Amino acid sequence: MALLRTPSHHTTSHRTAPRLPLSRLAASLLLAGGLAASSAVLADTLKLAIMGEPASLDPQQISGTWENDVVGDLFEGLVTEGADGERIPGAAKSWTVSDDGTTYTFSLRKNGKWSDGKPVTAEDFVFALQRIMTPSNASDYAYILYPIKNAKAINSAKAKPETLGVRAVDDYTLEITLERPTPYFLDQLSHYTAYPLPKHVVEKYGKDWTDPGKMVSNGAFELTDWQPQSKIVAAKNPEFHDAKDVALDEVIYYPIEERNSALKRFRAGEIDIAREFPTQKYGWLKENLPEATHVAPYLGIYYYVLNSRDGHATADPRVREALNLSIRRKIITDKILGTGEVPAYSFVPTGVNHYEVQEMPFKDMSMDERMQKAKALMAEAGYGPDNPLELTLRYNTSEDHKKVAVAAAAMWKPLGVKVNLFNSEVAVHYEDMRQGKFDAGRAGWIGDYNDAQNFLNLLETGVPNNYGAYSNQALDDDMSKAANTLDMDDREALMQDAERKALDDYAVLPIYYYVSRNLVSPKLKGWQDNIEDIHRSRWVSFSQ
């Protein structure tokens, strides 16, 4: 989740609960006194450093893990995540699946409500899923839900939104019909692209529905303030179906891209959780803050995108291969980062369910052999001392991303490659990548669901998060066949063949498999490390 990407804010009257929660009471008193509600920090307030400023909090207009940290607290899908990352019932209390695996029928919770007290109905899901597929909505992540019948046709403007395979049987029964059986579909429904939207609010305010004082949500928390580049504040939602078991009164999210700044604020007690820490501090943290330092396996890949668009040198497979050959991955993981990352020679990371990764053919070659071949490839492509290759390598702002980029530039220098480094804040970085404004660019992908398709899909023609615009019809054909294959072994073989094609073509430059790195205050309980590094604030509390 990747990664790879509107503010919202809501204040609502309390309707039926017997007492006003502390967060609401504090907000009401402050507002009555003419002060900003966000200026109060409550006793049970979780202070969380997220790794960037959200481009939006509309679930259909985001694509980054840092945005998911906030949006996943505000909203809840049909299926949601437990503290351990496992999928559990969310807005739906139960479901059934037809024998052919193509029809899912969900029973919604009758006590499920929006934060303004209105019921969450099946129509809210129909509305949301039709909206995300509507081309004018321009959601870069709509393709995640293409397994739903007619979804791709609608998103491609070849069918009308009302033909989507989703219908409200009644207020609390939702039926979803798929194009074909999809083993990972329930996992997909926990993703923010499948969150419901408050139809009554979106239709009333249009694009302004996420403005302060207008937004409502159905999750454990509701937005109360957003000060761009400073903080986002969410209060406990008393209308949430499981509100009685939510311990926190409030969550404050601080967008801090500089990992060293996050560490300093964590050590000063200004934040309780930092969603990443600087790798160069790992040794010090293990020695001085061992109980707070969490490093765990993570379902993700750190890679460089190589622009395949016409006019870019990286459109030449020989250049892509040479750039791949000359990267010393183990130097990056062990010497530059040093927090347990694993050198990557595949695009699909290890640990994916029912999948054995394919690897680049040069993995076992010596570095001398690799460099000799890389130089020959560059010469064959027409580059050398008299015609050096000049590349723009861009990355989003981060000490670690900069260190990796500087190292890559040094590793490419013996090939006669001159690298111009360019960095920008994360939202700008990914938008410029989508528009092709780069030669090589840093990217990371965190699995939205534990299936190889979620990674290989990034290399299919026309996918918005295929930043390099790579296109290989044979790979597309393999992935299409895999999507229509019921036998899991046959499906795996097709996807392995697709990955092999991409690796043989050096479509991207894998660098390492992620580990999750978090700083978590020992005074917190309920935090559980998990392979997807998903941590909803509803499960966290302060030790008494």
Protein backbone atom coordinates (compact mmCIF):
# COMPACT_ATOMS: atom_id res chain seq x y z
CA MET A 1 0.00 0.00 0.00
CA ALA A 2 1.36 0.86 -0.72
CA LEU A 3 2.45 3.68 -1.27
CA LEU A 4 2.60 4.51 -2.98
CA ARG A 5 -0.87 8.18 -2.01
CA THR A 6 -8.68 16.56 1.27
CA PRO A 7 -8.73 17.39 4.43
CA SER A 8 -11.75 16.51 6.33
CA HIS A 9 -13.17 17.50 9.61
CA HIS A 10 -16.42 16.95 11.35
CA THR A 11 -18.15 18.23 14.44
CA THR A 12 -21.47 16.67 15.27
CA SER A 13 -24.10 16.90 17.97
CA HIS A 14 -24.38 14.04 20.43
CA ARG A 15 -27.65 12.21 19.98
CA THR A 16 -28.37 9.16 22.10
CA ALA A 17 -25.40 8.23 24.27
CA PRO A 18 -26.06 8.70 27.98
CA ARG A 19 -23.09 10.98 28.54
CA LEU A 20 -20.87 13.22 26.45
CA PRO A 21 -17.45 11.57 25.92
CA LEU A 22 -14.48 13.42 27.39
CA SER A 23 -13.21 14.37 23.93
CA ARG A 24 -16.55 15.88 22.92
CA LEU A 25 -16.95 17.62 26.27
CA ALA A 26 -13.51 19.20 26.01
CA ALA A 27 -14.18 20.28 22.43
CA SER A 28 -17.56 21.77 23.36
CA LEU A 29 -16.15 23.75 26.28
CA LEU A 30 -13.29 25.07 24.18
CA LEU A 31 -15.55 26.05 21.31
CA ALA A 32 -17.89 27.77 23.73
CA GLY A 33 -14.93 29.82 24.92
CA GLY A 34 -13.96 30.73 21.37
CA LEU A 35 -10.86 28.50 21.30
CA ALA A 36 -9.89 25.86 18.75
CA ALA A 37 -10.93 22.40 19.87
CA SER A 38 -7.62 20.99 18.67
CA SER A 39 -5.69 22.94 21.29
CA ALA A 40 -6.71 20.49 24.02
CA VAL A 41 -4.64 17.38 24.60
CA LEU A 42 -6.61 14.85 26.61
CA ALA A 43 -5.33 12.32 29.08
CA ASP A 44 -6.13 9.42 26.76
CA THR A 45 -4.74 11.07 23.64
CA LEU A 46 -2.49 9.03 21.38
CA LYS A 47 0.14 11.15 19.65
CA LEU A 48 1.26 9.51 16.43
CA ALA A 49 3.95 10.55 13.94
CA ILE A 50 2.97 9.62 10.39
CA MET A 51 5.55 9.82 7.64
CA GLY A 52 4.07 12.54 5.44
CA GLU A 53 1.31 15.07 4.91
CA PRO A 54 -1.80 13.37 3.46
CA ALA A 55 -2.76 14.55 0.00
CA SER A 56 -6.35 13.81 0.96
CA LEU A 57 -8.49 12.02 3.53
CA ASP A 58 -11.08 10.98 0.98
CA PRO A 59 -10.62 7.17 0.93
CA GLN A 60 -10.92 7.24 -2.85
CA GLN A 61 -8.23 9.87 -3.37
CA ILE A 62 -5.32 8.41 -1.42
CA SER A 63 -2.69 5.76 -2.01
CA GLY A 64 -0.11 6.04 0.77
CA THR A 65 0.55 4.12 3.95
CA TRP A 66 0.81 7.40 5.90
CA GLU A 67 -2.68 8.39 4.68
CA ASN A 68 -3.98 4.92 5.53
CA ASP A 69 -2.84 5.45 9.13
CA VAL A 70 -5.43 8.23 9.44
CA VAL A 71 -8.19 7.11 7.06
CA GLY A 72 -8.19 3.60 8.52
CA ASP A 73 -9.03 5.07 11.92
CA LEU A 74 -11.83 7.22 10.49
CA PHE A 75 -13.55 4.60 8.33
CA GLU A 76 -14.32 0.89 8.44
CA GLY A 77 -14.95 -1.42 5.50
CA LEU A 78 -17.10 -4.53 5.32
CA VAL A 79 -14.01 -6.39 6.52
CA THR A 80 -11.39 -4.83 8.78
CA GLU A 81 -8.09 -5.65 10.51
CA GLY A 82 -7.56 -6.97 14.01
CA ALA A 83 -4.65 -5.86 16.16
CA ASP A 84 -2.57 -8.67 14.64
CA GLY A 85 -3.42 -7.62 11.07
CA GLU A 86 -5.72 -10.59 10.48
CA ARG A 87 -9.02 -9.89 8.71
CA ILE A 88 -12.13 -9.79 10.90
CA PRO A 89 -15.76 -8.65 10.40
CA GLY A 90 -16.07 -4.89 10.16
CA ALA A 91 -19.15 -2.99 9.05
CA ALA A 92 -20.50 -6.40 8.04
CA LYS A 93 -21.17 -8.79 10.90
CA SER A 94 -21.16 -11.85 8.59
CA TRP A 95 -21.23 -12.97 4.97
CA THR A 96 -21.81 -15.94 2.69
CA VAL A 97 -20.14 -16.89 -0.59
CA SER A 98 -21.84 -18.74 -3.44
CA ASP A 99 -20.59 -22.19 -4.42
CA ASP A 100 -18.99 -20.82 -7.59
CA GLY A 101 -17.13 -18.15 -5.59
CA THR A 102 -18.56 -15.20 -7.52
CA THR A 103 -21.36 -13.87 -5.30
CA TYR A 104 -20.77 -12.46 -1.82
CA THR A 105 -23.71 -11.55 0.40
CA PHE A 106 -22.96 -9.37 3.42
CA SER A 107 -25.15 -8.76 6.47
CA LEU A 108 -24.43 -5.28 7.81
CA ARG A 109 -24.48 -4.43 11.50
CA LYS A 110 -27.79 -2.81 12.42
CA ASN A 111 -25.99 -0.72 15.03
CA GLY A 112 -23.53 0.59 12.43
CA LYS A 113 -23.83 4.38 12.26
CA TRP A 114 -22.15 7.39 10.76
CA SER A 115 -20.68 9.82 13.24
CA ASP A 116 -23.75 12.06 12.81
CA GLY A 117 -25.95 9.21 14.05
CA LYS A 118 -27.44 8.20 10.70
CA PRO A 119 -27.36 4.45 9.92
CA VAL A 120 -24.71 2.96 7.66
CA THR A 121 -26.70 1.15 4.97
CA ALA A 122 -26.01 -1.09 2.03
CA GLU A 123 -26.76 1.87 -0.23
CA ASP A 124 -23.74 3.72 1.22
CA PHE A 125 -21.52 0.90 -0.06
CA VAL A 126 -23.26 0.82 -3.46
CA PHE A 127 -22.81 4.58 -3.72
CA ALA A 128 -19.13 4.45 -2.75
CA LEU A 129 -18.20 1.58 -5.05
CA GLN A 130 -19.98 3.14 -8.02
CA ARG A 131 -18.32 6.48 -7.27
CA ILE A 132 -14.77 5.11 -7.18
CA MET A 133 -15.29 3.42 -10.56
CA THR A 134 -16.71 6.56 -12.19
CA PRO A 135 -13.93 7.88 -14.49
CA SER A 136 -14.56 11.52 -13.52
CA ASN A 137 -13.62 10.63 -9.94
CA ALA A 138 -10.08 9.96 -11.18
CA SER A 139 -9.17 7.51 -8.44
CA ASP A 140 -5.70 6.10 -9.09
CA TYR A 141 -6.50 3.06 -6.96
CA ALA A 142 -9.84 2.05 -8.49
CA TYR A 143 -8.21 -0.89 -10.25
CA ILE A 144 -7.81 -2.69 -6.91
CA LEU A 145 -11.53 -3.49 -7.12
CA TYR A 146 -11.58 -4.67 -10.74
CA PRO A 147 -12.64 -8.18 -9.63
CA ILE A 148 -16.17 -6.74 -9.17
CA LYS A 149 -18.38 -7.36 -12.20
CA ASN A 150 -18.18 -4.55 -14.77
CA ALA A 151 -15.77 -2.52 -12.60
CA LYS A 152 -13.03 -2.25 -15.22
CA ALA A 153 -15.52 -1.46 -18.00
CA ILE A 154 -17.05 1.35 -15.91
CA ASN A 155 -13.68 2.76 -14.93
CA SER A 156 -12.69 2.70 -18.62
CA ALA A 157 -15.89 4.61 -19.57
CA LYS A 158 -17.24 1.60 -21.44
CA ALA A 159 -20.20 1.00 -19.12
CA LYS A 160 -22.41 3.00 -16.78
CA PRO A 161 -21.77 3.04 -12.99
CA GLU A 162 -25.19 1.52 -12.26
CA THR A 163 -24.11 -1.67 -14.05
CA LEU A 164 -21.53 -2.41 -11.33
CA GLY A 165 -22.03 -5.82 -9.72
CA VAL A 166 -23.09 -4.36 -6.39
CA ARG A 167 -26.66 -4.04 -5.11
CA ALA A 168 -28.50 -3.30 -1.91
CA VAL A 169 -30.87 -6.21 -1.31
CA ASP A 170 -32.28 -4.19 1.61
CA ASP A 171 -30.90 -1.59 4.03
CA TYR A 172 -28.68 -4.13 5.78
CA THR A 173 -27.93 -6.69 3.06
CA LEU A 174 -25.32 -6.04 0.37
CA GLU A 175 -24.65 -8.33 -2.57
CA ILE A 176 -21.43 -8.14 -4.60
CA THR A 177 -20.99 -10.13 -7.81
CA LEU A 178 -17.52 -10.74 -9.23
CA GLU A 179 -16.28 -11.24 -12.76
CA ARG A 180 -14.63 -14.46 -11.62
CA PRO A 181 -13.67 -16.19 -8.38
CA THR A 182 -11.04 -14.11 -6.59
CA PRO A 183 -9.22 -15.80 -3.69
CA TYR A 184 -8.09 -12.52 -2.11
CA PHE A 185 -11.36 -10.57 -2.44
CA LEU A 186 -12.20 -10.46 1.26
CA ASP A 187 -8.73 -9.06 1.94
CA GLN A 188 -9.36 -6.40 -0.69
CA LEU A 189 -12.54 -5.33 1.08
CA SER A 190 -10.54 -4.24 4.11
CA HIS A 191 -8.66 -1.80 1.87
CA TYR A 192 -9.64 1.88 1.98
CA THR A 193 -10.80 1.81 -1.65
CA ALA A 194 -13.74 -0.33 -0.46
CA TYR A 195 -14.76 1.89 2.46
CA PRO A 196 -18.35 3.16 2.47
CA LEU A 197 -19.03 6.85 1.97
CA PRO A 198 -21.83 8.87 3.62
CA LYS A 199 -24.08 9.30 0.59
CA HIS A 200 -26.19 11.94 2.32
CA VAL A 201 -23.12 14.10 2.98
CA VAL A 202 -21.29 13.59 -0.33
CA GLU A 203 -24.45 14.35 -2.33
CA LYS A 204 -25.09 17.47 -0.25
CA TYR A 205 -21.60 18.96 -0.43
CA GLY A 206 -19.99 17.36 -3.48
CA LYS A 207 -16.21 17.69 -3.53
CA ASP A 208 -16.43 19.80 -0.38
CA TRP A 209 -17.74 16.88 1.70
CA THR A 210 -14.35 16.53 3.37
CA ASP A 211 -14.25 20.17 4.49
CA PRO A 212 -14.16 21.01 8.20
CA GLY A 213 -17.60 20.72 9.75
CA LYS A 214 -19.01 18.60 6.92
CA MET A 215 -17.29 15.22 6.97
CA VAL A 216 -18.76 12.23 8.77
CA SER A 217 -17.21 8.77 9.08
CA ASN A 218 -18.14 5.30 10.34
CA GLY A 219 -14.89 4.27 12.03
CA ALA A 220 -13.72 4.31 15.62
CA PHE A 221 -12.71 7.98 15.32
CA GLU A 222 -14.01 11.12 13.63
CA LEU A 223 -12.00 14.07 12.36
CA THR A 224 -12.14 17.25 14.45
CA ASP A 225 -9.26 19.32 13.08
CA TRP A 226 -6.65 19.47 10.33
CA GLN A 227 -3.83 21.99 10.33
CA PRO A 228 -1.84 21.23 7.15
CA GLN A 229 1.80 20.31 7.72
CA SER A 230 1.17 20.51 11.48
CA LYS A 231 -1.36 18.02 12.81
CA ILE A 232 -4.60 16.14 12.26
CA VAL A 233 -6.89 15.50 15.21
CA ALA A 234 -9.54 12.79 15.52
CA ALA A 235 -11.86 12.20 18.48
CA LYS A 236 -13.44 8.94 19.57
CA ASN A 237 -16.65 8.37 17.63
CA PRO A 238 -19.41 7.52 20.14
CA GLU A 239 -21.60 6.22 17.29
CA PHE A 240 -19.06 3.50 16.36
CA HIS A 241 -20.56 0.05 16.82
CA ASP A 242 -17.73 -1.03 19.14
CA ALA A 243 -17.20 2.33 20.87
CA LYS A 244 -17.38 0.75 24.33
CA ASP A 245 -14.16 -1.13 23.65
CA VAL A 246 -12.25 1.84 22.20
CA ALA A 247 -10.00 3.09 25.00
CA LEU A 248 -8.63 6.26 23.46
CA ASP A 249 -10.46 9.58 23.57
CA GLU A 250 -8.41 11.17 20.83
CA VAL A 251 -5.64 10.61 18.30
CA ILE A 252 -3.34 13.37 17.06
CA TYR A 253 -1.41 12.60 13.86
CA TYR A 254 1.74 14.64 13.21
CA PRO A 255 3.04 14.52 9.61
CA ILE A 256 6.83 14.28 10.04
CA GLU A 257 8.81 13.24 6.98
CA GLU A 258 12.19 13.73 8.66
CA ARG A 259 12.79 10.56 10.65
CA ASN A 260 15.36 12.22 12.91
CA SER A 261 12.78 14.84 13.87
CA ALA A 262 10.31 12.09 14.72
CA LEU A 263 12.91 10.37 16.89
CA LYS A 264 13.70 13.58 18.76
CA ARG A 265 10.03 14.19 19.47
CA PHE A 266 9.57 10.59 20.57
CA ARG A 267 12.48 10.85 23.01
CA ALA A 268 11.06 14.14 24.33
CA GLY A 269 7.72 12.44 25.02
CA GLU A 270 5.91 14.60 22.47
CA ILE A 271 4.72 11.58 20.50
CA ASP A 272 3.83 8.04 21.56
CA ILE A 273 4.38 6.23 18.25
CA ALA A 274 6.70 7.02 15.36
CA ARG A 275 5.76 5.06 12.25
CA GLU A 276 9.39 4.91 11.19
CA PHE A 277 12.82 5.79 12.58
CA PRO A 278 16.19 6.65 10.99
CA THR A 279 18.12 3.52 10.18
CA GLN A 280 21.43 4.97 11.31
CA LYS A 281 20.04 5.17 14.85
CA TYR A 282 19.09 1.51 15.03
CA GLY A 283 22.13 0.42 17.03
CA TRP A 284 21.64 3.24 19.54
CA LEU A 285 17.93 2.48 19.81
CA LYS A 286 18.51 -1.23 20.44
CA GLU A 287 20.89 -0.34 23.25
CA ASN A 288 19.04 2.58 24.80
CA LEU A 289 15.36 2.08 23.95
CA PRO A 290 15.02 -1.68 23.37
CA GLU A 291 11.42 -1.95 24.62
CA ALA A 292 10.29 0.86 22.33
CA THR A 293 12.11 -0.32 19.19
CA HIS A 294 10.04 -2.57 16.95
CA VAL A 295 11.55 -4.14 13.80
CA ALA A 296 9.57 -6.89 12.08
CA PRO A 297 9.17 -8.62 8.69
CA TYR A 298 7.08 -6.53 6.31
CA LEU A 299 5.21 -7.40 3.14
CA GLY A 300 6.83 -4.82 0.88
CA ILE A 301 9.43 -4.04 -1.78
CA TYR A 302 11.71 -0.98 -2.08
CA TYR A 303 12.57 -0.44 -5.73
CA TYR A 304 13.54 2.04 -8.40
CA VAL A 305 11.14 2.64 -11.25
CA LEU A 306 12.84 2.86 -14.65
CA ASN A 307 10.92 5.08 -17.05
CA SER A 308 9.95 3.06 -20.15
CA ARG A 309 8.36 5.99 -22.00
CA ASP A 310 9.75 7.01 -25.38
CA GLY A 311 12.54 9.57 -25.15
CA HIS A 312 14.07 8.15 -21.97
CA ALA A 313 17.30 6.18 -22.05
CA THR A 314 15.74 3.79 -19.55
CA ALA A 315 13.28 2.70 -22.23
CA ASP A 316 16.21 0.63 -23.55
CA PRO A 317 16.28 -2.82 -21.86
CA ARG A 318 20.08 -2.86 -22.14
CA VAL A 319 20.32 0.28 -20.02
CA ARG A 320 17.83 -1.12 -17.51
CA GLU A 321 19.85 -4.32 -17.23
CA ALA A 322 23.13 -2.44 -16.77
CA LEU A 323 21.65 -0.27 -14.02
CA ASN A 324 20.34 -3.40 -12.27
CA LEU A 325 23.64 -5.25 -12.55
CA SER A 326 25.70 -2.49 -10.95
CA ILE A 327 23.61 -2.00 -7.79
CA ARG A 328 25.28 -3.63 -4.78
CA ARG A 329 22.15 -4.49 -2.86
CA LYS A 330 23.88 -6.07 0.11
CA ILE A 331 25.98 -2.94 0.65
CA ILE A 332 22.75 -0.93 0.81
CA THR A 333 20.99 -3.28 3.20
CA ASP A 334 23.90 -4.13 5.49
CA LYS A 335 26.14 -1.07 5.45
CA ILE A 336 23.91 1.87 4.56
CA LEU A 337 20.66 0.84 6.27
CA GLY A 338 21.49 -1.97 8.67
CA THR A 339 18.07 -2.64 10.16
CA GLY A 340 17.42 -6.11 8.81
CA GLU A 341 16.37 -5.33 5.25
CA VAL A 342 16.94 -8.17 2.79
CA PRO A 343 18.52 -7.66 -0.67
CA ALA A 344 15.84 -8.08 -3.36
CA TYR A 345 16.32 -9.92 -6.63
CA SER A 346 12.61 -10.34 -7.32
CA PHE A 347 9.71 -7.92 -7.56
CA VAL A 348 7.29 -9.98 -5.46
CA PRO A 349 8.69 -10.07 -1.91
CA THR A 350 9.25 -13.26 0.00
CA GLY A 351 6.53 -14.34 2.42
CA VAL A 352 3.60 -13.96 0.02
CA ASN A 353 0.93 -16.62 0.38
CA HIS A 354 1.05 -19.53 -2.10
CA TYR A 355 3.87 -18.09 -4.16
CA GLU A 356 7.55 -18.87 -4.70
CA VAL A 357 9.34 -15.80 -6.01
CA GLN A 358 11.34 -15.69 -9.25
CA GLU A 359 14.77 -14.09 -9.14
CA MET A 360 17.01 -12.09 -11.45
CA PRO A 361 19.51 -14.30 -13.30
CA PHE A 362 22.60 -12.36 -12.15
CA LYS A 363 22.04 -12.98 -8.44
CA ASP A 364 24.92 -15.49 -8.17
CA MET A 365 27.34 -13.68 -10.48
CA SER A 366 30.42 -12.06 -8.96
CA MET A 367 30.47 -8.26 -8.84
CA ASP A 368 33.36 -8.17 -11.30
CA GLU A 369 31.37 -10.24 -13.80
CA ARG A 370 28.33 -8.04 -13.29
CA MET A 371 30.24 -4.80 -13.85
CA GLN A 372 31.99 -6.16 -16.94
CA LYS A 373 28.64 -7.12 -18.44
CA ALA A 374 27.05 -3.81 -17.42
CA LYS A 375 29.76 -1.77 -19.14
CA ALA A 376 29.41 -3.86 -22.29
CA LEU A 377 25.65 -3.31 -22.32
CA MET A 378 26.07 0.45 -21.93
CA ALA A 379 28.53 0.53 -24.81
CA GLU A 380 26.15 -1.53 -26.93
CA ALA A 381 23.39 0.97 -26.12
CA GLY A 382 25.65 3.79 -27.38
CA TYR A 383 26.91 5.25 -24.12
CA GLY A 384 30.50 5.74 -23.05
CA PRO A 385 33.15 8.38 -22.24
CA ASP A 386 32.32 10.37 -25.39
CA ASN A 387 28.57 10.05 -24.84
CA PRO A 388 27.89 9.72 -21.12
CA LEU A 389 24.41 8.88 -19.95
CA GLU A 390 22.83 11.60 -17.79
CA LEU A 391 19.93 10.46 -15.61
CA THR A 392 17.53 12.20 -13.24
CA LEU A 393 17.02 10.08 -10.14
CA ARG A 394 14.22 11.38 -7.96
CA TYR A 395 13.15 10.38 -4.47
CA ASN A 396 10.72 11.61 -1.84
CA THR A 397 12.20 13.50 1.10
CA SER A 398 13.79 11.19 3.65
CA GLU A 399 17.28 10.75 5.05
CA ASP A 400 17.27 7.07 4.12
CA HIS A 401 15.97 7.62 0.58
CA LYS A 402 18.72 10.20 0.07
CA LYS A 403 21.40 7.80 1.33
CA VAL A 404 20.22 5.06 -1.02
CA ALA A 405 20.08 7.50 -3.95
CA VAL A 406 23.59 8.78 -3.28
CA ALA A 407 24.83 5.19 -3.09
CA ALA A 408 23.08 4.24 -6.34
CA ALA A 409 24.63 7.25 -8.10
CA ALA A 410 28.08 6.15 -6.91
CA MET A 411 27.47 2.57 -8.05
CA TRP A 412 26.42 3.77 -11.51
CA LYS A 413 29.37 6.14 -11.90
CA PRO A 414 31.77 3.42 -13.17
CA LEU A 415 29.36 2.91 -16.06
CA GLY A 416 29.90 6.53 -17.08
CA VAL A 417 26.47 7.53 -15.79
CA LYS A 418 26.03 11.04 -14.43
CA VAL A 419 23.15 11.19 -11.96
CA ASN A 420 21.20 14.31 -11.08
CA LEU A 421 19.43 13.79 -7.75
CA PHE A 422 16.06 15.43 -7.22
CA ASN A 423 13.86 15.20 -4.15
CA SER A 424 10.40 16.48 -3.26
CA GLU A 425 7.75 15.89 -0.61
CA VAL A 426 5.93 12.63 -0.96
CA ALA A 427 2.63 13.72 -2.59
CA VAL A 428 4.45 15.79 -5.25
CA HIS A 429 6.95 12.98 -5.81
CA TYR A 430 4.37 10.36 -6.71
CA GLU A 431 2.25 12.73 -8.80
CA ASP A 432 5.30 13.70 -10.86
CA MET A 433 6.20 10.01 -11.19
CA ARG A 434 2.75 9.26 -12.59
CA GLN A 435 3.30 12.02 -15.14
CA GLY A 436 6.64 10.52 -16.18
CA LYS A 437 8.85 13.39 -14.98
CA PHE A 438 11.90 11.23 -14.20
CA ASP A 439 14.36 8.70 -15.58
CA ALA A 440 14.71 6.61 -12.44
CA GLY A 441 12.58 7.12 -9.37
CA ARG A 442 12.33 5.72 -5.88
CA ALA A 443 9.16 3.78 -5.09
CA GLY A 444 7.97 1.37 -2.48
CA TRP A 445 5.02 -0.96 -2.44
CA ILE A 446 3.43 -2.43 0.63
CA GLY A 447 0.99 -5.27 0.02
CA ASP A 448 -2.64 -4.23 0.22
CA TYR A 449 -3.44 -7.91 0.54
CA ASN A 450 -1.23 -10.98 0.81
CA ASP A 451 -1.19 -12.14 -2.79
CA ALA A 452 1.41 -11.93 -5.58
CA GLN A 453 -1.17 -10.32 -7.87
CA ASN A 454 -1.05 -7.16 -5.75
CA PHE A 455 2.60 -6.66 -6.72
CA LEU A 456 2.65 -7.97 -10.30
CA ASN A 457 -0.38 -5.86 -11.12
CA LEU A 458 1.93 -2.82 -10.87
CA LEU A 459 3.65 -3.99 -14.07
CA GLU A 460 0.51 -4.43 -16.14
CA THR A 461 -0.14 -2.03 -18.99
CA GLY A 462 -2.13 1.07 -18.08
CA VAL A 463 -2.25 0.61 -14.30
CA PRO A 464 -1.99 4.09 -12.69
CA ASN A 465 0.66 3.00 -10.18
CA ASN A 466 2.77 1.54 -12.98
CA TYR A 467 4.83 4.73 -12.75
CA GLY A 468 7.32 3.77 -15.45
CA ALA A 469 4.56 2.98 -18.00
CA TYR A 470 6.13 -0.43 -18.57
CA SER A 471 4.17 -2.55 -21.06
CA ASN A 472 4.59 -6.19 -21.98
CA GLN A 473 1.70 -7.94 -23.72
CA ALA A 474 2.94 -11.40 -22.79
CA LEU A 475 2.99 -10.42 -19.10
CA ASP A 476 -0.50 -8.92 -19.43
CA ASP A 477 -1.72 -12.16 -20.98
CA ASP A 478 -0.28 -14.24 -18.14
CA MET A 479 -1.94 -12.03 -15.55
CA SER A 480 -5.26 -12.16 -17.37
CA LYS A 481 -5.13 -15.96 -17.50
CA ALA A 482 -4.17 -16.11 -13.82
CA ALA A 483 -7.20 -13.98 -12.94
CA ASN A 484 -9.41 -16.59 -14.59
CA THR A 485 -7.69 -19.65 -13.12
CA LEU A 486 -9.31 -21.43 -10.17
CA ASP A 487 -6.57 -23.95 -9.46
CA MET A 488 -4.14 -22.23 -7.07
CA ASP A 489 -1.07 -24.10 -8.35
CA ASP A 490 -1.86 -23.26 -11.97
CA ARG A 491 -2.54 -19.67 -10.98
CA GLU A 492 0.83 -19.49 -9.20
CA ALA A 493 2.63 -20.85 -12.27
CA LEU A 494 1.08 -18.19 -14.51
CA MET A 495 2.06 -15.38 -12.15
CA GLN A 496 5.58 -16.79 -11.83
CA ASP A 497 5.82 -16.76 -15.61
CA ALA A 498 4.67 -13.13 -15.60
CA GLU A 499 7.29 -12.18 -13.00
CA ARG A 500 9.98 -14.01 -14.94
CA LYS A 501 9.12 -12.01 -18.08
CA ALA A 502 9.38 -8.73 -16.15
CA LEU A 503 12.69 -9.69 -14.53
CA ASP A 504 14.20 -10.85 -17.81
CA ASP A 505 13.16 -7.49 -19.28
CA TYR A 506 14.52 -5.61 -16.22
CA ALA A 507 11.22 -3.76 -16.00
CA VAL A 508 12.13 -2.34 -12.58
CA LEU A 509 15.13 -2.28 -10.26
CA PRO A 510 14.32 -4.10 -6.99
CA ILE A 511 16.62 -3.07 -4.14
CA TYR A 512 15.41 -4.63 -0.90
CA TYR A 513 12.50 -6.20 0.92
CA TYR A 514 11.20 -4.01 3.70
CA VAL A 515 11.12 -4.52 7.41
CA SER A 516 8.71 -2.40 9.43
CA ARG A 517 10.40 0.05 11.81
CA ASN A 518 8.34 1.62 14.57
CA LEU A 519 8.96 3.34 17.86
CA VAL A 520 6.20 2.48 20.33
CA SER A 521 6.04 3.84 23.85
CA PRO A 522 6.23 1.00 26.41
CA LYS A 523 3.31 2.63 28.24
CA LEU A 524 1.04 1.57 25.39
CA LYS A 525 -0.63 -1.81 25.17
CA GLY A 526 -2.50 -3.44 22.29
CA TRP A 527 0.20 -2.85 19.65
CA GLN A 528 1.09 -6.04 17.75
CA ASP A 529 3.77 -6.28 15.07
CA ASN A 530 2.38 -7.86 11.89
CA ILE A 531 3.58 -8.51 8.35
CA GLU A 532 1.39 -5.78 6.83
CA ASP A 533 2.31 -3.23 9.53
CA ILE A 534 -1.33 -2.20 9.94
CA HIS A 535 -2.15 -0.78 13.35
CA ARG A 536 -5.60 0.67 13.98
CA SER A 537 -5.80 3.00 16.96
CA ARG A 538 -8.99 1.33 18.22
CA TRP A 539 -6.86 -1.52 19.58
CA VAL A 540 -4.36 0.67 21.44
CA SER A 541 -4.63 1.90 25.03
CA PHE A 542 -2.46 3.35 27.77
CA SER A 543 -1.35 1.07 30.57
CA GLN A 544 -3.04 1.88 33.86
